[in-house]
Protein backbone atom coordinates (compact mmCIF):
# COMPACT_ATOMS: atom_id res chain seq x y z
CA MET A 1 -144.99 -84.88 131.65
CA SER A 2 -147.56 -83.84 134.20
CA ALA A 3 -146.92 -81.18 136.74
CA SER A 4 -146.89 -83.85 139.48
CA SER A 5 -144.31 -86.08 137.80
CA PRO A 6 -140.84 -85.89 139.48
CA ARG A 7 -137.86 -85.27 137.27
CA LEU A 8 -135.41 -88.22 137.51
CA LEU A 9 -131.77 -87.85 136.46
CA VAL A 10 -129.23 -90.62 135.71
CA THR A 11 -125.55 -89.72 135.67
CA GLY A 12 -123.14 -91.73 133.56
CA ALA A 13 -125.93 -92.40 131.09
CA GLY A 14 -123.30 -92.89 128.36
CA GLY A 15 -121.94 -95.89 130.20
CA GLN A 16 -123.23 -99.45 130.24
CA LEU A 17 -124.97 -99.33 133.62
CA GLY A 18 -126.44 -95.80 133.24
CA ARG A 19 -127.65 -96.44 129.72
CA ARG A 20 -129.39 -99.63 130.81
CA VAL A 21 -131.10 -97.84 133.68
CA VAL A 22 -132.43 -95.21 131.25
CA GLU A 23 -133.67 -97.99 128.96
CA LEU A 24 -135.48 -99.77 131.81
CA LEU A 25 -137.13 -96.50 132.87
CA LEU A 26 -138.27 -95.97 129.28
CA GLU A 27 -139.62 -99.48 129.09
CA ALA A 28 -141.61 -98.92 132.31
CA GLY A 29 -143.07 -95.67 130.89
CA VAL A 30 -141.54 -93.50 133.63
CA PRO A 31 -141.91 -89.81 132.70
CA GLY A 32 -139.60 -86.89 133.38
CA LEU A 33 -136.28 -88.64 132.50
CA VAL A 34 -133.00 -86.74 132.31
CA ALA A 35 -129.94 -88.62 130.97
CA ALA A 36 -126.64 -86.96 131.89
CA SER A 37 -123.13 -87.51 130.48
CA ARG A 38 -119.84 -85.69 130.16
CA ASP A 39 -120.47 -85.94 126.43
CA PRO A 40 -124.23 -85.50 125.75
CA SER A 41 -123.71 -86.28 122.03
CA LYS A 42 -123.52 -89.91 123.07
CA LEU A 43 -127.18 -89.63 124.16
CA ALA A 44 -128.51 -87.92 121.07
CA ASP A 45 -130.72 -90.87 120.15
CA LEU A 46 -132.53 -90.65 123.49
CA THR A 47 -133.87 -87.24 122.74
CA THR A 48 -136.11 -88.67 120.05
CA ARG A 49 -137.63 -90.92 122.74
CA GLY A 50 -138.58 -88.04 124.98
CA VAL A 51 -135.58 -88.05 127.27
CA GLU A 52 -133.95 -84.74 128.16
CA THR A 53 -130.15 -84.81 128.01
CA ARG A 54 -127.74 -82.66 130.03
CA ARG A 55 -124.05 -82.29 130.37
CA VAL A 56 -122.50 -83.46 133.65
CA ASP A 57 -118.76 -83.10 134.19
CA PHE A 58 -117.75 -84.18 137.68
CA ASP A 59 -114.68 -82.05 137.42
CA ASP A 60 -116.77 -78.96 136.60
CA PRO A 61 -119.02 -78.04 139.64
CA ALA A 62 -120.87 -75.45 137.53
CA SER A 63 -122.03 -78.14 135.17
CA LEU A 64 -123.35 -80.12 138.12
CA ALA A 65 -125.35 -77.24 139.47
CA GLU A 66 -126.90 -76.63 136.07
CA ALA A 67 -127.64 -80.33 135.42
CA PHE A 68 -129.25 -80.94 138.72
CA ALA A 69 -131.58 -77.95 138.66
CA GLY A 70 -135.17 -79.04 139.01
CA VAL A 71 -134.27 -82.68 139.65
CA GLU A 72 -136.13 -84.50 142.44
CA ARG A 73 -134.55 -87.91 142.31
CA LEU A 74 -130.94 -88.62 141.23
CA LEU A 75 -128.96 -91.77 140.43
CA LEU A 76 -125.33 -91.01 141.12
CA ILE A 77 -123.25 -93.71 139.41
CA SER A 78 -119.72 -93.76 140.77
CA THR A 79 -117.22 -92.39 138.23
CA ASP A 80 -114.38 -94.26 136.60
CA SER A 81 -111.67 -91.81 137.78
CA MET A 82 -109.62 -94.32 139.74
CA GLY A 83 -106.06 -93.58 138.52
CA GLU A 84 -105.34 -90.77 140.96
CA PRO A 85 -105.95 -91.17 144.68
CA GLY A 86 -108.60 -88.83 146.01
CA HIS A 87 -109.78 -87.72 142.58
CA ARG A 88 -113.00 -89.74 142.56
CA ILE A 89 -113.83 -88.73 146.17
CA GLY A 90 -113.59 -85.12 145.13
CA GLN A 91 -115.86 -85.66 142.15
CA HIS A 92 -118.51 -87.43 144.30
CA ARG A 93 -118.33 -84.81 147.04
CA ALA A 94 -118.94 -82.14 144.41
CA ALA A 95 -121.89 -84.02 143.03
CA ILE A 96 -123.43 -84.48 146.48
CA ALA A 97 -122.96 -80.76 147.28
CA ALA A 98 -124.55 -79.82 144.01
CA ALA A 99 -127.51 -82.18 144.65
CA GLU A 100 -127.94 -80.67 148.13
CA ALA A 101 -127.86 -77.12 146.72
CA ALA A 102 -130.42 -78.14 144.03
CA LYS A 103 -132.69 -79.51 146.75
CA VAL A 104 -132.77 -82.99 145.26
CA LYS A 105 -135.10 -85.09 147.41
CA HIS A 106 -133.54 -88.54 146.96
CA VAL A 107 -130.18 -89.70 145.82
CA VAL A 108 -129.25 -93.27 144.85
CA TYR A 109 -125.55 -94.02 144.91
CA THR A 110 -123.76 -97.06 143.51
CA SER A 111 -121.21 -98.25 146.09
CA ALA A 112 -119.46 -101.50 146.83
CA PRO A 113 -119.51 -104.20 149.62
CA GLY A 114 -117.57 -103.54 152.81
CA ALA A 115 -117.01 -99.82 152.12
CA ARG A 116 -114.35 -98.73 154.64
CA PRO A 117 -111.38 -96.35 154.92
CA GLN A 118 -108.12 -97.63 153.48
CA VAL A 119 -104.58 -96.39 154.13
CA GLY A 120 -103.37 -94.89 150.91
CA GLY A 121 -106.84 -94.72 149.39
CA GLY A 122 -108.35 -97.04 146.79
CA VAL A 123 -111.62 -98.05 145.28
CA ILE A 124 -113.27 -99.08 148.58
CA ASP A 125 -111.92 -95.99 150.31
CA ASP A 126 -113.52 -93.85 147.64
CA HIS A 127 -116.89 -95.49 148.29
CA PHE A 128 -116.57 -95.07 152.05
CA TRP A 129 -115.94 -91.40 151.96
CA THR A 130 -118.66 -90.89 149.41
CA GLU A 131 -121.11 -92.69 151.65
CA GLN A 132 -119.96 -90.51 154.48
CA ALA A 133 -120.52 -87.38 152.43
CA LEU A 134 -124.01 -88.47 151.55
CA ALA A 135 -124.86 -89.32 155.17
CA ALA A 136 -123.54 -85.93 156.31
CA SER A 137 -125.52 -84.02 153.74
CA ALA A 138 -128.90 -82.33 154.19
CA ILE A 139 -130.41 -84.38 151.36
CA PRO A 140 -133.71 -85.70 152.73
CA GLY A 141 -133.42 -89.21 151.45
CA TRP A 142 -130.79 -91.53 149.97
CA THR A 143 -130.30 -95.12 149.06
CA ILE A 144 -126.75 -96.57 148.97
CA LEU A 145 -126.65 -99.68 146.81
CA ARG A 146 -123.49 -101.67 147.45
CA HIS A 147 -123.14 -103.55 144.18
CA ASN A 148 -121.22 -106.79 144.58
CA ILE A 149 -118.67 -107.86 141.97
CA TYR A 150 -120.27 -108.00 138.47
CA ALA A 151 -120.74 -111.46 137.02
CA GLU A 152 -119.35 -109.92 133.84
CA VAL A 153 -115.94 -109.83 135.47
CA LEU A 154 -115.87 -113.61 135.15
CA LEU A 155 -115.87 -113.32 131.39
CA MET A 156 -112.70 -111.20 131.44
CA GLY A 157 -110.53 -114.16 132.34
CA ALA A 158 -112.72 -117.11 131.35
CA SER A 159 -111.31 -117.64 127.88
CA GLN A 160 -107.76 -117.62 129.11
CA ALA A 161 -108.59 -119.96 131.94
CA VAL A 162 -110.21 -122.41 129.61
CA THR A 163 -107.26 -122.18 127.15
CA SER A 164 -104.58 -122.61 129.84
CA GLY A 165 -106.50 -124.87 132.14
CA ALA A 166 -105.82 -122.63 135.10
CA LEU A 167 -107.95 -120.00 136.86
CA TYR A 168 -105.87 -117.85 139.19
CA SER A 169 -107.02 -115.82 142.20
CA ALA A 170 -105.96 -114.62 145.62
CA THR A 171 -109.32 -115.13 147.26
CA ALA A 172 -108.09 -117.77 149.76
CA GLY A 173 -111.04 -119.97 149.03
CA ALA A 174 -113.67 -117.40 149.94
CA GLY A 175 -116.88 -116.93 147.98
CA ARG A 176 -118.23 -113.99 145.97
CA ALA A 177 -121.90 -113.20 145.53
CA TYR A 178 -121.46 -112.22 141.90
CA VAL A 179 -124.35 -110.17 140.54
CA SER A 180 -125.00 -109.37 136.88
CA ARG A 181 -124.96 -105.81 135.58
CA GLU A 182 -128.54 -106.32 134.44
CA ASP A 183 -129.67 -107.22 137.95
CA CYS A 184 -127.81 -104.16 139.32
CA ALA A 185 -129.49 -101.96 136.69
CA ARG A 186 -132.90 -103.35 137.64
CA ALA A 187 -132.21 -102.68 141.34
CA ASP A 188 -130.91 -99.17 140.65
CA THR A 189 -133.94 -98.42 138.55
CA ALA A 190 -136.31 -99.53 141.25
CA ALA A 191 -134.51 -97.62 144.00
CA LEU A 192 -134.48 -94.42 141.83
CA VAL A 193 -138.26 -94.66 141.26
CA LYS A 194 -139.46 -95.72 144.72
CA GLY A 195 -136.54 -95.57 147.21
CA GLU A 196 -137.47 -93.88 150.48
CA GLY A 197 -135.72 -92.86 153.71
CA ARG A 198 -132.02 -93.37 154.25
CA GLN A 199 -130.71 -96.90 153.82
CA ILE A 200 -127.68 -98.95 152.80
CA LEU A 201 -128.46 -102.11 150.82
CA ASP A 202 -126.13 -104.81 149.59
CA VAL A 203 -126.98 -105.82 146.03
CA SER A 204 -125.90 -109.47 145.48
CA GLY A 205 -126.42 -112.56 143.46
CA PRO A 206 -128.25 -115.51 144.95
CA ALA A 207 -125.19 -117.28 146.40
CA ALA A 208 -121.53 -116.75 147.30
CA VAL A 209 -119.52 -118.74 144.71
CA THR A 210 -115.87 -119.78 145.21
CA GLN A 211 -113.29 -119.81 142.49
CA ASP A 212 -113.14 -123.59 142.79
CA GLU A 213 -116.82 -123.63 141.81
CA VAL A 214 -116.23 -121.10 138.98
CA ALA A 215 -113.47 -123.35 137.64
CA ALA A 216 -115.80 -126.40 137.78
CA LEU A 217 -118.50 -124.48 135.88
CA LEU A 218 -116.01 -123.41 133.22
CA SER A 219 -114.90 -127.04 132.87
CA GLN A 220 -118.46 -128.29 132.59
CA LEU A 221 -119.51 -125.67 130.03
CA SER A 222 -116.38 -125.72 127.91
CA GLY A 223 -115.65 -129.47 128.02
CA LYS A 224 -112.07 -128.71 129.00
CA SER A 225 -110.40 -129.17 132.39
CA VAL A 226 -110.00 -125.91 134.35
CA LYS A 227 -108.45 -125.93 137.83
CA HIS A 228 -108.35 -123.05 140.30
CA GLN A 229 -104.98 -122.06 141.65
CA ASP A 230 -105.01 -119.80 144.69
CA LEU A 231 -101.94 -117.51 144.89
CA PRO A 232 -100.48 -115.23 147.52
CA LEU A 233 -101.73 -111.69 146.97
CA ALA A 234 -98.34 -110.30 145.88
CA ALA A 235 -97.85 -113.16 143.38
CA TYR A 236 -101.30 -112.62 141.96
CA ARG A 237 -100.64 -108.90 141.44
CA GLU A 238 -97.28 -109.61 139.82
CA GLY A 239 -98.97 -112.06 137.46
CA LEU A 240 -101.51 -109.41 136.44
CA VAL A 241 -98.74 -106.92 135.65
CA ALA A 242 -96.77 -109.59 133.78
CA ALA A 243 -99.93 -110.20 131.71
CA GLY A 244 -99.82 -106.58 130.59
CA LEU A 245 -102.19 -104.85 132.89
CA PRO A 246 -101.26 -101.33 134.02
CA PRO A 247 -99.95 -101.37 137.63
CA PHE A 248 -102.79 -99.21 138.93
CA TYR A 249 -105.38 -101.55 137.42
CA ALA A 250 -103.52 -104.60 138.80
CA ASP A 251 -103.66 -103.00 142.21
CA ILE A 252 -107.46 -102.57 141.85
CA LEU A 253 -108.01 -106.23 140.86
CA ALA A 254 -105.66 -107.42 143.63
CA SER A 255 -107.55 -105.33 146.13
CA PHE A 256 -110.80 -106.89 145.03
CA ASP A 257 -109.32 -110.40 145.62
CA HIS A 258 -108.01 -109.31 148.97
CA ALA A 259 -111.47 -108.05 149.99
CA ALA A 260 -112.94 -111.34 148.80
CA SER A 261 -110.43 -113.30 150.97
CA GLU A 262 -111.70 -111.31 153.96
CA GLY A 263 -115.35 -112.34 153.24
CA GLN A 264 -116.26 -108.86 152.15
CA GLN A 265 -117.81 -110.06 148.91
CA ALA A 266 -119.68 -113.12 150.29
CA ILE A 267 -122.67 -111.10 151.51
CA VAL A 268 -125.87 -112.60 150.12
CA THR A 269 -129.13 -110.67 150.30
CA ASP A 270 -132.58 -110.68 148.74
CA VAL A 271 -132.31 -107.00 147.77
CA VAL A 272 -132.59 -107.55 144.03
CA GLU A 273 -135.79 -109.58 144.40
CA THR A 274 -137.24 -107.26 147.06
CA LEU A 275 -136.69 -104.17 144.95
CA THR A 276 -137.61 -105.64 141.53
CA GLY A 277 -139.87 -108.61 142.24
CA LYS A 278 -137.54 -110.91 140.26
CA PRO A 279 -134.60 -112.90 141.73
CA PRO A 280 -131.05 -112.31 140.47
CA VAL A 281 -129.45 -114.66 137.91
CA SER A 282 -127.04 -117.31 139.27
CA VAL A 283 -123.43 -117.57 138.22
CA ALA A 284 -124.19 -120.95 136.59
CA ALA A 285 -127.01 -119.48 134.53
CA PHE A 286 -125.00 -116.39 133.66
CA LEU A 287 -121.99 -118.44 132.34
CA GLU A 288 -124.38 -120.74 130.48
CA ALA A 289 -125.90 -117.76 128.71
CA ASN A 290 -122.45 -116.42 127.89
CA ARG A 291 -120.78 -119.67 126.93
CA ALA A 292 -119.76 -118.35 123.52
CA ALA A 293 -117.40 -115.96 125.21
CA PHE A 294 -115.06 -118.71 126.42
CA SER A 295 -115.90 -122.01 124.71
C-alpha cells in the first residue's frame, strides 16, 4: 500500500453484505482494506489476500477505538441487534463516536427507507436516530444509503406461496422497490471508495412492484397458480406467529409491511446506476435467476 492510499474499513465483514463488499473491493484492486468482525477468525482467509482483519465488537467501545485507528473511510453496516429496544441505537452511536475520535474522514451507513422516529422503538426508529447521530457528529463527510427491502426477502416465502397458492401481505396494494443484496453491495462499495460531502441516498430497484405482481411472477415462473391475499396488519402478524416465527421477528416483518402500505418502500431512484454505472436487477430477472428456490 502506498503512503497516499487511504485505509478503508468494512464492519460486519463476516456477514453476507459486508463480505461481498470486501470481495468487490478486492476485485477492483482497491488497496488498504481492513475487514472487521466481532469474530475475526471468520475472516482468516482474507489475510492471505492482503486484507488486514480487526476485531470490532459494537458492545465494546474499546474495540471500536482500536479498530478505527488510522482508518480514513468507513462502511458502517447496521448491526443485527434488534431484539432489545434501544440496543442497536447504542451500538451505532458508540461506533460513530469512535469514528469521530479516530478522525475518520468519511462514513457510509446502511439505513432504510423512510427513517423516522417510532413510538416504542423499532427497526426504522433505530435507523432514524443513527442518522441523527451521524449528522450531529463532527465527521467531515458521510453518505447514508437507505437500502430498500432486499429482493432476497421474496425467496423466504416464495416456496410456501407456490405450494399453498397464496401469497399473504399487509401492504394494502402498495409497491416495493425491491433491490438485490448484490446491487446494495455494489452501491455501498462505490460510496465507500468515492462518496463525498454529506448526503442521504435511497438505494432502490428499478420499479416499485406490488404483491399482486409478485404473485403473478411466481405463477408464471412456477407454472402454478399463486394469488395475493392482502390482510389487516394484526391478522398478518398473527399469521406469522402461528407459522412459528418469534414474536419480535413477526413484529419486524409486520412493521415492514405497514411501512410499505404507507408508500415508504415505493421510492424509486437511479442511485445504483449513478454510483456503479450499472442498473439494478429487476424483480422479474431476480426471481427468474432464483427459480430453483421455489419451483
